[in-house]
Amino acid sequence: MTAEPGTHTGHDDVGSSFPPLPDRPTPELVLCAVDDLLAQAWTTVADTVDGRVFVHRGSVLDVVAQAVVSPANSYGWMRGGIDAVYARAYPEVEQNVRSAVLAYHGGELPIGQAVIVPTGEAEPAWLISAPTMREPGERLPRDTVHPYLAARAVFQQWRDGRLDQGRVRDLVHTIAMPGLGTGVGGVAPASCARQVAAAWDEVFAPGRPRHGR
């Protein structure tokens, strides 16, 4: 399932009982951290961007949201880090991601793109898979921009994506996002936070000054 009109994964029943939410210019974004360094870095995003952006000190699974973000690899394997947590919590989701990547991207989802698939649960009904690395377990270079590319893909998916049930933005009010590349990828929390803020501004406030970010 991609941001292109008419794409789907065949799970038409998941989430279809929820009425569309009122139109809004941005989603509610909950930035999740299980450690202090990332939580502190996330506060800079909440403090500097325009929109409903909040920090949750704890597991992404504890957030009430319609969609969660998977900082995945390009092949959709969900065997390590937060992806393994998702795979245990939502037993259908890894196969849903891999099927979508195969169907719409030839088996490899490029960094900078995202797919949205059903979790198989009532809430969160959706998972947005946005790779931060090509290969599972890849260590990212210090100057990587992959968190920015992944975050931008998530926000574009919310803004432009369509599901069989309707527009993503009508079905998803709140997105829960863990660190992007800050685990196995080794990205510094502050770098991740700056890149997520830059991606938010590019998608939702393209003319807004970035105050030195």
C-alpha atoms as a PDB file:
ATOM      1  CA  MET A   1       0.000   0.000   0.000  1.00  0.00           C
ATOM      2  CA  THR A   2       1.543   3.268  -1.106  1.00  0.00           C
ATOM      3  CA  ALA A   3       0.638   6.908  -1.525  1.00  0.00           C
ATOM      4  CA  GLU A   4      -0.539   6.213  -5.056  1.00  0.00           C
ATOM      5  CA  PRO A   5      -4.336   6.175  -5.566  1.00  0.00           C
ATOM      6  CA  GLY A   6      -6.025   2.807  -5.677  1.00  0.00           C
ATOM      7  CA  THR A   7      -3.315   0.653  -4.125  1.00  0.00           C
ATOM      8  CA  HIS A   8      -4.230  -1.827  -1.411  1.00  0.00           C
ATOM      9  CA  THR A   9      -3.173  -4.993   0.365  1.00  0.00           C
ATOM     10  CA  GLY A  10      -6.470  -6.823   0.270  1.00  0.00           C
ATOM     11  CA  HIS A  11      -7.310  -6.386   3.976  1.00  0.00           C
ATOM     12  CA  ASP A  12     -10.379  -4.272   3.296  1.00  0.00           C
ATOM     13  CA  ASP A  13     -12.071  -5.101   6.599  1.00  0.00           C
ATOM     14  CA  VAL A  14      -9.355  -3.708   8.865  1.00  0.00           C
ATOM     15  CA  GLY A  15     -10.175  -0.231  10.120  1.00  0.00           C
ATOM     16  CA  SER A  16     -13.217   0.067   7.863  1.00  0.00           C
ATOM     17  CA  SER A  17     -15.606   0.380  10.812  1.00  0.00           C
ATOM     18  CA  PHE A  18     -14.044   3.675  11.887  1.00  0.00           C
ATOM     19  CA  PRO A  19     -15.654   6.809  10.409  1.00  0.00           C
ATOM     20  CA  PRO A  20     -13.390   9.368   8.712  1.00  0.00           C
ATOM     21  CA  LEU A  21     -11.930  11.952  11.047  1.00  0.00           C
ATOM     22  CA  PRO A  22     -12.350  15.676  10.413  1.00  0.00           C
ATOM     23  CA  ASP A  23      -9.922  17.145   7.883  1.00  0.00           C
ATOM     24  CA  ARG A  24      -6.866  18.806   9.436  1.00  0.00           C
ATOM     25  CA  PRO A  25      -3.634  20.325   8.094  1.00  0.00           C
ATOM     26  CA  THR A  26      -1.321  18.009  10.061  1.00  0.00           C
ATOM     27  CA  PRO A  27      -1.590  14.799  12.053  1.00  0.00           C
ATOM     28  CA  GLU A  28      -1.049  14.616  15.789  1.00  0.00           C
ATOM     29  CA  LEU A  29       2.478  13.268  16.128  1.00  0.00           C
ATOM     30  CA  VAL A  30       3.605  11.495  19.310  1.00  0.00           C
ATOM     31  CA  LEU A  31       7.384  11.085  19.469  1.00  0.00           C
ATOM     32  CA  CYS A  32       8.239   8.099  21.651  1.00  0.00           C
ATOM     33  CA  ALA A  33      11.416   7.355  23.585  1.00  0.00           C
ATOM     34  CA  VAL A  34      12.353   4.703  26.104  1.00  0.00           C
ATOM     35  CA  ASP A  35      15.604   6.478  27.044  1.00  0.00           C
ATOM     36  CA  ASP A  36      16.361   9.951  28.353  1.00  0.00           C
ATOM     37  CA  LEU A  37      18.665  11.109  25.537  1.00  0.00           C
ATOM     38  CA  LEU A  38      16.083  10.527  22.835  1.00  0.00           C
ATOM     39  CA  ALA A  39      13.283  11.945  24.979  1.00  0.00           C
ATOM     40  CA  GLN A  40      15.302  15.134  25.504  1.00  0.00           C
ATOM     41  CA  ALA A  41      16.079  15.374  21.795  1.00  0.00           C
ATOM     42  CA  TRP A  42      12.429  14.888  20.892  1.00  0.00           C
ATOM     43  CA  THR A  43      11.442  17.876  23.032  1.00  0.00           C
ATOM     44  CA  THR A  44      13.307  20.124  20.596  1.00  0.00           C
ATOM     45  CA  VAL A  45      10.983  18.964  17.833  1.00  0.00           C
ATOM     46  CA  ALA A  46       7.850  19.586  19.892  1.00  0.00           C
ATOM     47  CA  ASP A  47       9.177  23.022  20.876  1.00  0.00           C
ATOM     48  CA  THR A  48      10.137  24.234  17.394  1.00  0.00           C
ATOM     49  CA  VAL A  49       7.646  22.928  14.827  1.00  0.00           C
ATOM     50  CA  ASP A  50       4.114  24.146  14.243  1.00  0.00           C
ATOM     51  CA  GLY A  51       1.421  21.563  14.898  1.00  0.00           C
ATOM     52  CA  ARG A  52       0.287  19.025  17.463  1.00  0.00           C
ATOM     53  CA  VAL A  53       3.587  17.339  18.307  1.00  0.00           C
ATOM     54  CA  PHE A  54       4.108  15.702  21.700  1.00  0.00           C
ATOM     55  CA  VAL A  55       6.712  13.577  23.467  1.00  0.00           C
ATOM     56  CA  HIS A  56       5.908  10.270  25.170  1.00  0.00           C
ATOM     57  CA  ARG A  57       8.498   8.860  27.575  1.00  0.00           C
ATOM     58  CA  GLY A  58       7.825   5.170  27.175  1.00  0.00           C
ATOM     59  CA  SER A  59       6.932   2.491  24.662  1.00  0.00           C
ATOM     60  CA  VAL A  60       5.313   3.365  21.364  1.00  0.00           C
ATOM     61  CA  LEU A  61       2.874   0.542  22.091  1.00  0.00           C
ATOM     62  CA  ASP A  62       1.449   2.536  25.007  1.00  0.00           C
ATOM     63  CA  VAL A  63       0.270   5.411  22.787  1.00  0.00           C
ATOM     64  CA  VAL A  64      -3.334   5.564  21.625  1.00  0.00           C
ATOM     65  CA  ALA A  65      -2.886   6.069  17.880  1.00  0.00           C
ATOM     66  CA  GLN A  66      -4.356   4.969  14.585  1.00  0.00           C
ATOM     67  CA  ALA A  67      -0.890   4.406  13.057  1.00  0.00           C
ATOM     68  CA  VAL A  68       2.599   3.539  14.273  1.00  0.00           C
ATOM     69  CA  VAL A  69       5.856   4.087  12.387  1.00  0.00           C
ATOM     70  CA  SER A  70       8.282   1.284  11.627  1.00  0.00           C
ATOM     71  CA  PRO A  71      11.848   2.546  10.913  1.00  0.00           C
ATOM     72  CA  ALA A  72      12.364  -0.468   8.746  1.00  0.00           C
ATOM     73  CA  ASN A  73      14.827  -1.956   6.282  1.00  0.00           C
ATOM     74  CA  SER A  74      14.088  -1.907   2.567  1.00  0.00           C
ATOM     75  CA  TYR A  75      13.038  -5.564   2.436  1.00  0.00           C
ATOM     76  CA  GLY A  76      10.393  -5.431   5.164  1.00  0.00           C
ATOM     77  CA  TRP A  77      12.044  -7.892   7.546  1.00  0.00           C
ATOM     78  CA  MET A  78      10.975  -7.132  11.113  1.00  0.00           C
ATOM     79  CA  ARG A  79      13.394  -9.164  13.229  1.00  0.00           C
ATOM     80  CA  GLY A  80      15.267  -6.600  15.345  1.00  0.00           C
ATOM     81  CA  GLY A  81      14.793  -3.468  17.439  1.00  0.00           C
ATOM     82  CA  ILE A  82      11.369  -1.840  17.497  1.00  0.00           C
ATOM     83  CA  ASP A  83      10.347  -3.819  14.410  1.00  0.00           C
ATOM     84  CA  ALA A  84      10.669  -7.059  16.372  1.00  0.00           C
ATOM     85  CA  VAL A  85       8.460  -5.515  19.067  1.00  0.00           C
ATOM     86  CA  TYR A  86       5.853  -4.713  16.420  1.00  0.00           C
ATOM     87  CA  ALA A  87       6.072  -8.196  14.929  1.00  0.00           C
ATOM     88  CA  ARG A  88       5.393  -9.767  18.321  1.00  0.00           C
ATOM     89  CA  ALA A  89       2.533  -7.382  19.092  1.00  0.00           C
ATOM     90  CA  TYR A  90       0.944  -7.637  15.636  1.00  0.00           C
ATOM     91  CA  PRO A  91       1.579 -11.152  14.275  1.00  0.00           C
ATOM     92  CA  GLU A  92       0.255 -10.362  10.782  1.00  0.00           C
ATOM     93  CA  VAL A  93       2.156  -7.166  10.185  1.00  0.00           C
ATOM     94  CA  GLU A  94       5.531  -8.418   8.897  1.00  0.00           C
ATOM     95  CA  GLN A  95       3.869 -10.450   6.165  1.00  0.00           C
ATOM     96  CA  ASN A  96       1.662  -7.478   5.308  1.00  0.00           C
ATOM     97  CA  VAL A  97       4.716  -5.231   4.940  1.00  0.00           C
ATOM     98  CA  ARG A  98       6.644  -7.747   2.853  1.00  0.00           C
ATOM     99  CA  SER A  99       3.633  -8.377   0.621  1.00  0.00           C
ATOM    100  CA  ALA A 100       3.162  -4.650   0.012  1.00  0.00           C
ATOM    101  CA  VAL A 101       6.862  -4.128  -0.721  1.00  0.00           C
ATOM    102  CA  LEU A 102       6.818  -7.026  -3.177  1.00  0.00           C
ATOM    103  CA  ALA A 103       3.572  -5.978  -4.852  1.00  0.00           C
ATOM    104  CA  TYR A 104       4.308  -2.292  -5.283  1.00  0.00           C
ATOM    105  CA  HIS A 105       8.095  -1.960  -5.152  1.00  0.00           C
ATOM    106  CA  GLY A 106       9.460  -5.178  -6.647  1.00  0.00           C
ATOM    107  CA  GLY A 107      10.624  -6.503  -3.284  1.00  0.00           C
ATOM    108  CA  GLU A 108      12.756  -3.535  -2.188  1.00  0.00           C
ATOM    109  CA  LEU A 109      11.292  -0.336  -0.745  1.00  0.00           C
ATOM    110  CA  PRO A 110      13.696   2.538  -1.438  1.00  0.00           C
ATOM    111  CA  ILE A 111      14.773   4.773   1.411  1.00  0.00           C
ATOM    112  CA  GLY A 112      12.666   7.908   1.095  1.00  0.00           C
ATOM    113  CA  GLN A 113       9.437   6.014   0.401  1.00  0.00           C
ATOM    114  CA  ALA A 114       6.876   4.378   2.693  1.00  0.00           C
ATOM    115  CA  VAL A 115       4.061   1.843   2.645  1.00  0.00           C
ATOM    116  CA  ILE A 116       1.077   1.707   4.960  1.00  0.00           C
ATOM    117  CA  VAL A 117      -0.389  -1.681   5.852  1.00  0.00           C
ATOM    118  CA  PRO A 118      -2.949  -3.098   8.293  1.00  0.00           C
ATOM    119  CA  THR A 119      -1.626  -4.303  11.638  1.00  0.00           C
ATOM    120  CA  GLY A 120      -4.419  -6.841  11.988  1.00  0.00           C
ATOM    121  CA  GLU A 121      -5.554  -5.097  15.179  1.00  0.00           C
ATOM    122  CA  ALA A 122      -8.346  -2.623  15.860  1.00  0.00           C
ATOM    123  CA  GLU A 123      -5.879  -0.035  17.228  1.00  0.00           C
ATOM    124  CA  PRO A 124      -3.487   0.899  15.910  1.00  0.00           C
ATOM    125  CA  ALA A 125      -5.125  -0.233  12.700  1.00  0.00           C
ATOM    126  CA  TRP A 126      -2.165   0.794  10.529  1.00  0.00           C
ATOM    127  CA  LEU A 127       1.622   0.587  10.410  1.00  0.00           C
ATOM    128  CA  ILE A 128       3.649   2.942   8.228  1.00  0.00           C
ATOM    129  CA  SER A 129       6.878   1.252   7.169  1.00  0.00           C
ATOM    130  CA  ALA A 130       9.562   3.777   6.186  1.00  0.00           C
ATOM    131  CA  PRO A 131      13.069   2.323   5.827  1.00  0.00           C
ATOM    132  CA  THR A 132      16.021   3.983   7.492  1.00  0.00           C
ATOM    133  CA  MET A 133      18.438   1.349   6.148  1.00  0.00           C
ATOM    134  CA  ARG A 134      18.631  -0.920   3.116  1.00  0.00           C
ATOM    135  CA  GLU A 135      19.882  -4.062   4.837  1.00  0.00           C
ATOM    136  CA  PRO A 136      18.689  -5.347   8.232  1.00  0.00           C
ATOM    137  CA  GLY A 137      21.107  -4.402  11.022  1.00  0.00           C
ATOM    138  CA  GLU A 138      22.993  -1.822   8.943  1.00  0.00           C
ATOM    139  CA  ARG A 139      25.080   0.731  10.840  1.00  0.00           C
ATOM    140  CA  LEU A 140      24.462   4.173   9.394  1.00  0.00           C
ATOM    141  CA  PRO A 141      27.229   6.759   8.798  1.00  0.00           C
ATOM    142  CA  ARG A 142      27.448   9.816  11.032  1.00  0.00           C
ATOM    143  CA  ASP A 143      26.352  12.123   8.208  1.00  0.00           C
ATOM    144  CA  THR A 144      23.345  10.033   7.191  1.00  0.00           C
ATOM    145  CA  VAL A 145      20.148  11.789   6.151  1.00  0.00           C
ATOM    146  CA  HIS A 146      18.080   8.613   6.302  1.00  0.00           C
ATOM    147  CA  PRO A 147      16.012   9.710   9.343  1.00  0.00           C
ATOM    148  CA  TYR A 148      14.992  12.822   7.400  1.00  0.00           C
ATOM    149  CA  LEU A 149      14.079  10.781   4.323  1.00  0.00           C
ATOM    150  CA  ALA A 150      12.099   8.269   6.380  1.00  0.00           C
ATOM    151  CA  ALA A 151      10.221  10.949   8.328  1.00  0.00           C
ATOM    152  CA  ARG A 152       9.418  12.863   5.153  1.00  0.00           C
ATOM    153  CA  ALA A 153       8.030   9.661   3.602  1.00  0.00           C
ATOM    154  CA  VAL A 154       5.813   9.108   6.667  1.00  0.00           C
ATOM    155  CA  PHE A 155       4.445  12.655   6.557  1.00  0.00           C
ATOM    156  CA  GLN A 156       3.886  12.520   2.794  1.00  0.00           C
ATOM    157  CA  GLN A 157       2.082   9.209   3.220  1.00  0.00           C
ATOM    158  CA  TRP A 158      -0.263  10.848   5.727  1.00  0.00           C
ATOM    159  CA  ARG A 159      -0.804  13.915   3.533  1.00  0.00           C
ATOM    160  CA  ASP A 160      -1.181  12.219   0.153  1.00  0.00           C
ATOM    161  CA  GLY A 161      -1.820   8.511   0.713  1.00  0.00           C
ATOM    162  CA  ARG A 162      -5.032   6.689  -0.113  1.00  0.00           C
ATOM    163  CA  LEU A 163      -6.418   3.394   1.145  1.00  0.00           C
ATOM    164  CA  ASP A 164      -9.446   1.447   0.016  1.00  0.00           C
ATOM    165  CA  GLN A 165     -11.269   2.998   2.984  1.00  0.00           C
ATOM    166  CA  GLY A 166     -10.364   6.554   1.933  1.00  0.00           C
ATOM    167  CA  ARG A 167      -7.565   9.063   2.376  1.00  0.00           C
ATOM    168  CA  VAL A 168      -4.949   8.240   5.003  1.00  0.00           C
ATOM    169  CA  ARG A 169      -5.405  11.698   6.526  1.00  0.00           C
ATOM    170  CA  ASP A 170      -9.111  10.959   7.052  1.00  0.00           C
ATOM    171  CA  LEU A 171      -8.435   7.633   8.783  1.00  0.00           C
ATOM    172  CA  VAL A 172      -5.358   8.502  10.845  1.00  0.00           C
ATOM    173  CA  HIS A 173      -5.529  11.254  13.451  1.00  0.00           C
ATOM    174  CA  THR A 174      -2.530  10.296  15.589  1.00  0.00           C
ATOM    175  CA  ILE A 175       0.812   8.821  14.500  1.00  0.00           C
ATOM    176  CA  ALA A 176       3.170   7.297  17.085  1.00  0.00           C
ATOM    177  CA  MET A 177       6.818   7.484  16.010  1.00  0.00           C
ATOM    178  CA  PRO A 178       9.851   5.904  17.718  1.00  0.00           C
ATOM    179  CA  GLY A 179      13.426   6.975  17.053  1.00  0.00           C
ATOM    180  CA  LEU A 180      14.435   6.672  13.395  1.00  0.00           C
ATOM    181  CA  GLY A 181      17.768   4.895  13.093  1.00  0.00           C
ATOM    182  CA  THR A 182      18.703   5.629  16.712  1.00  0.00           C
ATOM    183  CA  GLY A 183      18.875   1.951  17.734  1.00  0.00           C
ATOM    184  CA  VAL A 184      20.746  -0.499  15.534  1.00  0.00           C
ATOM    185  CA  GLY A 185      21.463   2.280  13.034  1.00  0.00           C
ATOM    186  CA  GLY A 186      23.473   4.243  15.602  1.00  0.00           C
ATOM    187  CA  VAL A 187      22.114   7.691  14.695  1.00  0.00           C
ATOM    188  CA  ALA A 188      22.601  10.263  17.453  1.00  0.00           C
ATOM    189  CA  PRO A 189      19.264  11.278  19.026  1.00  0.00           C
ATOM    190  CA  ALA A 190      19.902  14.979  18.423  1.00  0.00           C
ATOM    191  CA  SER A 191      20.611  14.344  14.749  1.00  0.00           C
ATOM    192  CA  CYS A 192      17.447  12.273  14.399  1.00  0.00           C
ATOM    193  CA  ALA A 193      15.374  14.994  16.067  1.00  0.00           C
ATOM    194  CA  ARG A 194      16.755  17.744  13.810  1.00  0.00           C
ATOM    195  CA  GLN A 195      16.016  15.663  10.731  1.00  0.00           C
ATOM    196  CA  VAL A 196      12.464  14.810  11.793  1.00  0.00           C
ATOM    197  CA  ALA A 197      11.796  18.502  12.462  1.00  0.00           C
ATOM    198  CA  ALA A 198      13.189  19.432   9.047  1.00  0.00           C
ATOM    199  CA  ALA A 199      11.002  16.799   7.371  1.00  0.00           C
ATOM    200  CA  TRP A 200       7.909  18.056   9.197  1.00  0.00           C
ATOM    201  CA  ASP A 201       8.598  21.629   8.084  1.00  0.00           C
ATOM    202  CA  GLU A 202       9.223  20.579   4.486  1.00  0.00           C
ATOM    203  CA  VAL A 203       5.942  18.669   4.211  1.00  0.00           C
ATOM    204  CA  PHE A 204       3.661  20.810   6.373  1.00  0.00           C
ATOM    205  CA  ALA A 205       5.289  24.272   6.471  1.00  0.00           C
ATOM    206  CA  PRO A 206       7.489  24.539   3.371  1.00  0.00           C
ATOM    207  CA  GLY A 207       8.008  28.284   3.665  1.00  0.00           C
ATOM    208  CA  ARG A 208       8.716  28.374   7.390  1.00  0.00           C
ATOM    209  CA  PRO A 209      12.181  29.545   8.577  1.00  0.00           C
ATOM    210  CA  ARG A 210      14.080  26.758  10.318  1.00  0.00           C
ATOM    211  CA  HIS A 211      15.929  28.892  12.889  1.00  0.00           C
ATOM    212  CA  GLY A 212      19.328  27.367  12.220  1.00  0.00           C
ATOM    213  CA  ARG A 213      18.293  23.683  12.302  1.00  0.00           C
END
